[in-house]
């Protein structure tokens, strides 16, 4: 139960940060392109990579901190960071075909699902 609370608290922080980036991007750059979403996806993926490298090479802070920082804060900030890490890990393990399938299926099926629901509503 404690793990769920840790993730919940981190996700709230991450979501608030994402909202702040999106509001700032809209004010600065306008509504023509989702600059805020692009920024959080790139930043979240970079931070996820930094944390994964840090945990692997510099020391693991423990399950509570990993959950709070990665699943919680970065999960609330952007789920794209987890997607990127999963795809990179498949590729690094030599599962190039599976990595390509995962990327194509994740993006393709997400867009297809969105399109179907929008069409039906």
N, C-alpha and C. Protein backbone atom coordinates (compact mmCIF):
# COMPACT_ATOMS: atom_id res chain seq x y z
N UNK A 1 0.82 -1.20 0.00
CA UNK A 1 0.00 0.00 0.00
C UNK A 1 0.86 1.26 0.00
N UNK A 2 1.99 1.20 0.71
CA UNK A 2 2.88 2.36 0.77
C UNK A 2 3.42 2.70 -0.62
N UNK A 3 3.72 1.69 -1.43
CA UNK A 3 4.23 1.94 -2.78
C UNK A 3 3.22 2.73 -3.61
N UNK A 4 1.95 2.41 -3.48
CA UNK A 4 0.92 3.14 -4.23
C UNK A 4 0.87 4.61 -3.80
N UNK A 5 1.02 4.85 -2.53
CA UNK A 5 1.00 6.23 -2.02
C UNK A 5 2.21 7.01 -2.54
N UNK A 6 3.37 6.38 -2.56
CA UNK A 6 4.59 7.01 -3.07
C UNK A 6 4.41 7.38 -4.54
N UNK A 7 3.88 6.46 -5.34
CA UNK A 7 3.65 6.72 -6.77
C UNK A 7 2.61 7.82 -6.93
N UNK A 8 1.55 7.76 -6.15
CA UNK A 8 0.48 8.76 -6.21
C UNK A 8 1.03 10.16 -5.94
N UNK A 9 1.84 10.30 -4.91
CA UNK A 9 2.40 11.61 -4.57
C UNK A 9 3.34 12.11 -5.66
N UNK A 10 4.19 11.23 -6.16
CA UNK A 10 5.10 11.61 -7.24
C UNK A 10 4.36 12.00 -8.50
N UNK A 11 3.31 11.25 -8.84
CA UNK A 11 2.54 11.54 -10.05
C UNK A 11 1.88 12.92 -9.96
N UNK A 12 1.42 13.29 -8.78
CA UNK A 12 0.84 14.62 -8.61
C UNK A 12 1.85 15.71 -8.88
N UNK A 13 3.07 15.52 -8.41
CA UNK A 13 4.14 16.49 -8.67
C UNK A 13 4.45 16.54 -10.16
N UNK A 14 4.58 15.37 -10.77
CA UNK A 14 4.88 15.32 -12.21
C UNK A 14 3.80 15.96 -13.05
N UNK A 15 2.54 15.69 -12.73
CA UNK A 15 1.43 16.28 -13.49
C UNK A 15 1.40 17.79 -13.33
N UNK A 16 1.64 18.28 -12.13
CA UNK A 16 1.67 19.74 -11.92
C UNK A 16 2.80 20.37 -12.74
N UNK A 17 3.94 19.70 -12.81
CA UNK A 17 5.06 20.21 -13.62
C UNK A 17 4.70 20.20 -15.10
N UNK A 18 4.04 19.13 -15.56
CA UNK A 18 3.63 19.06 -16.97
C UNK A 18 2.65 20.19 -17.29
N UNK A 19 1.72 20.42 -16.42
CA UNK A 19 0.75 21.51 -16.62
C UNK A 19 1.48 22.85 -16.72
N UNK A 20 2.45 23.06 -15.85
CA UNK A 20 3.22 24.30 -15.90
C UNK A 20 3.96 24.48 -17.21
N UNK A 21 4.58 23.42 -17.70
CA UNK A 21 5.29 23.49 -18.98
C UNK A 21 4.31 23.77 -20.11
N UNK A 22 3.16 23.10 -20.10
CA UNK A 22 2.17 23.31 -21.17
C UNK A 22 1.62 24.73 -21.16
N UNK A 23 1.32 25.26 -20.00
CA UNK A 23 0.81 26.63 -19.91
C UNK A 23 1.87 27.61 -20.40
N UNK A 24 3.11 27.43 -19.98
CA UNK A 24 4.19 28.32 -20.42
C UNK A 24 4.39 28.24 -21.93
N UNK A 25 4.36 27.04 -22.48
CA UNK A 25 4.54 26.88 -23.92
C UNK A 25 3.41 27.55 -24.70
N UNK A 26 2.18 27.41 -24.22
CA UNK A 26 1.06 28.06 -24.90
C UNK A 26 1.19 29.57 -24.86
N UNK A 27 1.60 30.10 -23.74
CA UNK A 27 1.76 31.56 -23.61
C UNK A 27 2.90 32.07 -24.49
N UNK A 28 3.98 31.34 -24.54
CA UNK A 28 5.16 31.79 -25.27
C UNK A 28 5.10 31.50 -26.77
N UNK A 29 4.54 30.35 -27.13
CA UNK A 29 4.63 29.89 -28.52
C UNK A 29 3.30 29.75 -29.23
N UNK A 30 2.21 29.86 -28.52
CA UNK A 30 0.89 29.80 -29.14
C UNK A 30 0.33 28.39 -29.25
N UNK A 31 -0.79 28.31 -29.95
CA UNK A 31 -1.58 27.08 -30.01
C UNK A 31 -1.35 26.24 -31.26
N UNK A 32 -0.48 26.65 -32.16
CA UNK A 32 -0.34 25.98 -33.45
C UNK A 32 0.30 24.61 -33.42
N UNK A 33 1.05 24.30 -32.39
CA UNK A 33 1.78 23.03 -32.31
C UNK A 33 1.89 22.66 -30.83
N UNK A 34 1.85 21.37 -30.50
CA UNK A 34 1.94 20.96 -29.08
C UNK A 34 3.37 21.02 -28.53
N UNK A 35 3.92 22.24 -28.47
CA UNK A 35 5.29 22.42 -28.00
C UNK A 35 5.49 21.93 -26.57
N UNK A 36 4.52 22.18 -25.72
CA UNK A 36 4.64 21.75 -24.32
C UNK A 36 4.72 20.24 -24.20
N UNK A 37 3.87 19.54 -24.93
CA UNK A 37 3.89 18.08 -24.90
C UNK A 37 5.21 17.55 -25.44
N UNK A 38 5.67 18.13 -26.53
CA UNK A 38 6.96 17.73 -27.09
C UNK A 38 8.07 17.95 -26.07
N UNK A 39 8.05 19.09 -25.42
CA UNK A 39 9.08 19.41 -24.43
C UNK A 39 9.08 18.43 -23.26
N UNK A 40 7.90 18.11 -22.72
CA UNK A 40 7.87 17.19 -21.58
C UNK A 40 8.26 15.78 -22.01
N UNK A 41 7.88 15.37 -23.21
CA UNK A 41 8.27 14.04 -23.67
C UNK A 41 9.79 13.93 -23.82
N UNK A 42 10.41 14.95 -24.39
CA UNK A 42 11.86 14.93 -24.56
C UNK A 42 12.55 15.03 -23.20
N UNK A 43 12.12 15.99 -22.39
CA UNK A 43 12.74 16.17 -21.07
C UNK A 43 12.55 14.93 -20.19
N UNK A 44 11.36 14.37 -20.19
CA UNK A 44 11.09 13.19 -19.38
C UNK A 44 11.95 12.01 -19.80
N UNK A 45 12.13 11.83 -21.11
CA UNK A 45 12.97 10.74 -21.60
C UNK A 45 14.43 10.96 -21.22
N UNK A 46 14.90 12.19 -21.34
CA UNK A 46 16.28 12.49 -20.94
C UNK A 46 16.48 12.23 -19.45
N UNK A 47 15.55 12.69 -18.64
CA UNK A 47 15.67 12.50 -17.19
C UNK A 47 15.58 11.01 -16.84
N UNK A 48 14.69 10.27 -17.51
CA UNK A 48 14.58 8.83 -17.26
C UNK A 48 15.91 8.14 -17.59
N UNK A 49 16.53 8.53 -18.70
CA UNK A 49 17.82 7.96 -19.06
C UNK A 49 18.90 8.28 -18.03
N UNK A 50 18.91 9.53 -17.57
CA UNK A 50 19.88 9.93 -16.55
C UNK A 50 19.68 9.13 -15.26
N UNK A 51 18.43 8.99 -14.84
CA UNK A 51 18.15 8.25 -13.61
C UNK A 51 18.51 6.77 -13.76
N UNK A 52 18.15 6.18 -14.90
CA UNK A 52 18.46 4.76 -15.11
C UNK A 52 19.97 4.54 -15.08
N UNK A 53 20.71 5.43 -15.73
CA UNK A 53 22.17 5.33 -15.71
C UNK A 53 22.74 5.53 -14.31
N UNK A 54 22.20 6.50 -13.61
CA UNK A 54 22.66 6.77 -12.24
C UNK A 54 22.41 5.56 -11.34
N UNK A 55 21.19 5.02 -11.42
CA UNK A 55 20.85 3.88 -10.57
C UNK A 55 21.73 2.67 -10.90
N UNK A 56 22.04 2.48 -12.18
CA UNK A 56 22.83 1.32 -12.59
C UNK A 56 24.30 1.46 -12.24
N UNK A 57 24.83 2.67 -12.31
CA UNK A 57 26.28 2.83 -12.19
C UNK A 57 26.75 3.54 -10.92
N UNK A 58 25.91 4.35 -10.33
CA UNK A 58 26.33 5.13 -9.17
C UNK A 58 25.73 4.65 -7.87
N UNK A 59 24.71 3.83 -7.95
CA UNK A 59 24.10 3.32 -6.72
C UNK A 59 22.59 3.44 -6.75
N UNK A 60 21.97 2.41 -6.29
CA UNK A 60 20.51 2.35 -6.25
C UNK A 60 20.03 2.99 -4.95
N UNK A 61 19.15 4.00 -5.04
CA UNK A 61 18.67 4.65 -3.82
C UNK A 61 17.62 3.84 -3.07
N UNK A 62 17.21 2.73 -3.64
CA UNK A 62 16.18 1.91 -3.02
C UNK A 62 14.86 2.00 -3.77
N UNK A 63 14.04 1.00 -3.55
CA UNK A 63 12.76 0.89 -4.26
C UNK A 63 11.86 2.10 -4.07
N UNK A 64 11.80 2.64 -2.87
CA UNK A 64 10.92 3.77 -2.61
C UNK A 64 11.29 4.97 -3.46
N UNK A 65 12.57 5.32 -3.50
CA UNK A 65 13.00 6.47 -4.30
C UNK A 65 12.85 6.20 -5.80
N UNK A 66 13.16 4.97 -6.23
CA UNK A 66 12.97 4.64 -7.66
C UNK A 66 11.51 4.80 -8.06
N UNK A 67 10.61 4.27 -7.25
CA UNK A 67 9.18 4.40 -7.54
C UNK A 67 8.75 5.86 -7.56
N UNK A 68 9.18 6.62 -6.58
CA UNK A 68 8.80 8.02 -6.48
C UNK A 68 9.29 8.82 -7.68
N UNK A 69 10.56 8.65 -8.03
CA UNK A 69 11.15 9.45 -9.10
C UNK A 69 10.72 9.01 -10.50
N UNK A 70 10.75 7.70 -10.77
CA UNK A 70 10.49 7.23 -12.14
C UNK A 70 9.01 6.98 -12.39
N UNK A 71 8.43 6.05 -11.67
CA UNK A 71 7.01 5.74 -11.89
C UNK A 71 6.12 6.89 -11.46
N UNK A 72 6.46 7.54 -10.37
CA UNK A 72 5.66 8.64 -9.86
C UNK A 72 5.85 9.94 -10.61
N UNK A 73 6.94 10.64 -10.33
CA UNK A 73 7.14 11.97 -10.92
C UNK A 73 7.21 11.90 -12.45
N UNK A 74 8.09 11.06 -12.98
CA UNK A 74 8.21 11.01 -14.44
C UNK A 74 6.98 10.39 -15.10
N UNK A 75 6.34 9.45 -14.42
CA UNK A 75 5.10 8.89 -14.94
C UNK A 75 4.00 9.93 -15.02
N UNK A 76 3.94 10.82 -14.04
CA UNK A 76 2.97 11.91 -14.07
C UNK A 76 3.36 13.00 -15.04
N UNK A 77 4.65 13.21 -15.18
CA UNK A 77 5.16 14.23 -16.10
C UNK A 77 4.95 13.78 -17.54
N UNK A 78 5.31 12.54 -17.83
CA UNK A 78 5.12 11.98 -19.16
C UNK A 78 5.27 10.47 -19.14
N UNK A 79 4.34 9.75 -19.72
CA UNK A 79 4.50 8.31 -19.85
C UNK A 79 5.42 7.98 -21.01
N UNK A 80 5.73 8.96 -21.80
CA UNK A 80 6.64 8.75 -22.92
C UNK A 80 8.03 8.36 -22.44
N UNK A 81 8.42 8.82 -21.26
CA UNK A 81 9.74 8.48 -20.74
C UNK A 81 9.87 6.99 -20.47
N UNK A 82 8.83 6.37 -19.94
CA UNK A 82 8.85 4.94 -19.70
C UNK A 82 8.85 4.18 -21.01
N UNK A 83 8.04 4.62 -21.96
CA UNK A 83 8.01 4.02 -23.29
C UNK A 83 9.40 4.05 -23.92
N UNK A 84 10.07 5.19 -23.84
CA UNK A 84 11.41 5.33 -24.42
C UNK A 84 12.41 4.39 -23.75
N UNK A 85 12.36 4.30 -22.43
CA UNK A 85 13.27 3.41 -21.71
C UNK A 85 13.01 1.96 -22.09
N UNK A 86 11.75 1.55 -22.15
CA UNK A 86 11.42 0.17 -22.52
C UNK A 86 11.94 -0.17 -23.92
N UNK A 87 11.73 0.74 -24.87
CA UNK A 87 12.20 0.52 -26.24
C UNK A 87 13.73 0.44 -26.28
N UNK A 88 14.40 1.33 -25.56
CA UNK A 88 15.87 1.33 -25.53
C UNK A 88 16.41 0.05 -24.90
N UNK A 89 15.78 -0.42 -23.84
CA UNK A 89 16.24 -1.65 -23.19
C UNK A 89 16.09 -2.86 -24.11
N UNK A 90 14.98 -2.94 -24.85
CA UNK A 90 14.82 -4.02 -25.83
C UNK A 90 15.94 -3.96 -26.87
N UNK A 91 16.21 -2.78 -27.38
CA UNK A 91 17.25 -2.60 -28.38
C UNK A 91 18.63 -2.98 -27.82
N UNK A 92 18.93 -2.51 -26.62
CA UNK A 92 20.23 -2.79 -26.00
C UNK A 92 20.43 -4.28 -25.72
N UNK A 93 19.34 -5.01 -25.50
CA UNK A 93 19.43 -6.45 -25.28
C UNK A 93 19.55 -7.22 -26.59
N UNK A 94 19.61 -6.49 -27.70
CA UNK A 94 19.74 -7.13 -29.00
C UNK A 94 18.42 -7.54 -29.62
N UNK A 95 17.33 -7.18 -29.00
CA UNK A 95 16.01 -7.52 -29.52
C UNK A 95 15.50 -6.38 -30.41
N UNK A 96 16.23 -6.15 -31.51
CA UNK A 96 15.96 -5.02 -32.38
C UNK A 96 14.57 -5.13 -33.02
N UNK A 97 14.24 -6.31 -33.50
CA UNK A 97 12.92 -6.51 -34.11
C UNK A 97 11.79 -6.27 -33.11
N UNK A 98 11.97 -6.76 -31.89
CA UNK A 98 10.96 -6.57 -30.86
C UNK A 98 10.86 -5.10 -30.48
N UNK A 99 12.00 -4.41 -30.43
CA UNK A 99 11.98 -2.97 -30.13
C UNK A 99 11.22 -2.21 -31.21
N UNK A 100 11.48 -2.54 -32.47
CA UNK A 100 10.78 -1.88 -33.57
C UNK A 100 9.28 -2.18 -33.52
N UNK A 101 8.94 -3.43 -33.24
CA UNK A 101 7.53 -3.79 -33.12
C UNK A 101 6.87 -3.03 -31.97
N UNK A 102 7.55 -2.95 -30.84
CA UNK A 102 7.01 -2.25 -29.68
C UNK A 102 6.74 -0.78 -29.99
N UNK A 103 7.70 -0.13 -30.64
CA UNK A 103 7.53 1.28 -31.00
C UNK A 103 6.37 1.45 -31.98
N UNK A 104 6.38 0.64 -33.04
CA UNK A 104 5.32 0.75 -34.06
C UNK A 104 3.95 0.43 -33.47
N UNK A 105 3.87 -0.63 -32.67
CA UNK A 105 2.59 -1.02 -32.08
C UNK A 105 2.11 0.03 -31.08
N UNK A 106 3.00 0.53 -30.26
CA UNK A 106 2.60 1.53 -29.26
C UNK A 106 2.06 2.78 -29.92
N UNK A 107 2.79 3.30 -30.88
CA UNK A 107 2.36 4.53 -31.55
C UNK A 107 1.17 4.26 -32.45
N UNK A 108 1.28 3.23 -33.28
CA UNK A 108 0.21 2.93 -34.23
C UNK A 108 -1.11 2.58 -33.58
N UNK A 109 -1.07 1.71 -32.59
CA UNK A 109 -2.31 1.30 -31.92
C UNK A 109 -2.89 2.41 -31.06
N UNK A 110 -2.03 3.22 -30.47
CA UNK A 110 -2.54 4.36 -29.70
C UNK A 110 -3.26 5.34 -30.62
N UNK A 111 -2.67 5.64 -31.76
CA UNK A 111 -3.33 6.54 -32.72
C UNK A 111 -4.60 5.91 -33.29
N UNK A 112 -4.55 4.62 -33.57
CA UNK A 112 -5.75 3.94 -34.09
C UNK A 112 -6.87 3.96 -33.05
N UNK A 113 -6.53 3.66 -31.81
CA UNK A 113 -7.54 3.68 -30.75
C UNK A 113 -8.15 5.06 -30.58
N UNK A 114 -7.31 6.07 -30.58
CA UNK A 114 -7.81 7.44 -30.47
C UNK A 114 -8.73 7.78 -31.63
N UNK A 115 -8.33 7.40 -32.83
CA UNK A 115 -9.14 7.69 -34.02
C UNK A 115 -10.48 6.98 -33.97
N UNK A 116 -10.48 5.73 -33.56
CA UNK A 116 -11.72 4.96 -33.49
C UNK A 116 -12.68 5.58 -32.48
N UNK A 117 -12.17 5.90 -31.31
CA UNK A 117 -13.02 6.48 -30.26
C UNK A 117 -13.55 7.85 -30.70
N UNK A 118 -12.72 8.65 -31.33
CA UNK A 118 -13.18 9.96 -31.80
C UNK A 118 -14.24 9.80 -32.88
N UNK A 119 -14.05 8.81 -33.75
CA UNK A 119 -15.02 8.56 -34.81
C UNK A 119 -16.36 8.10 -34.23
N UNK A 120 -16.31 7.26 -33.21
CA UNK A 120 -17.53 6.71 -32.62
C UNK A 120 -18.26 7.70 -31.71
N UNK A 121 -17.57 8.71 -31.24
CA UNK A 121 -18.22 9.63 -30.30
C UNK A 121 -18.89 10.79 -30.98
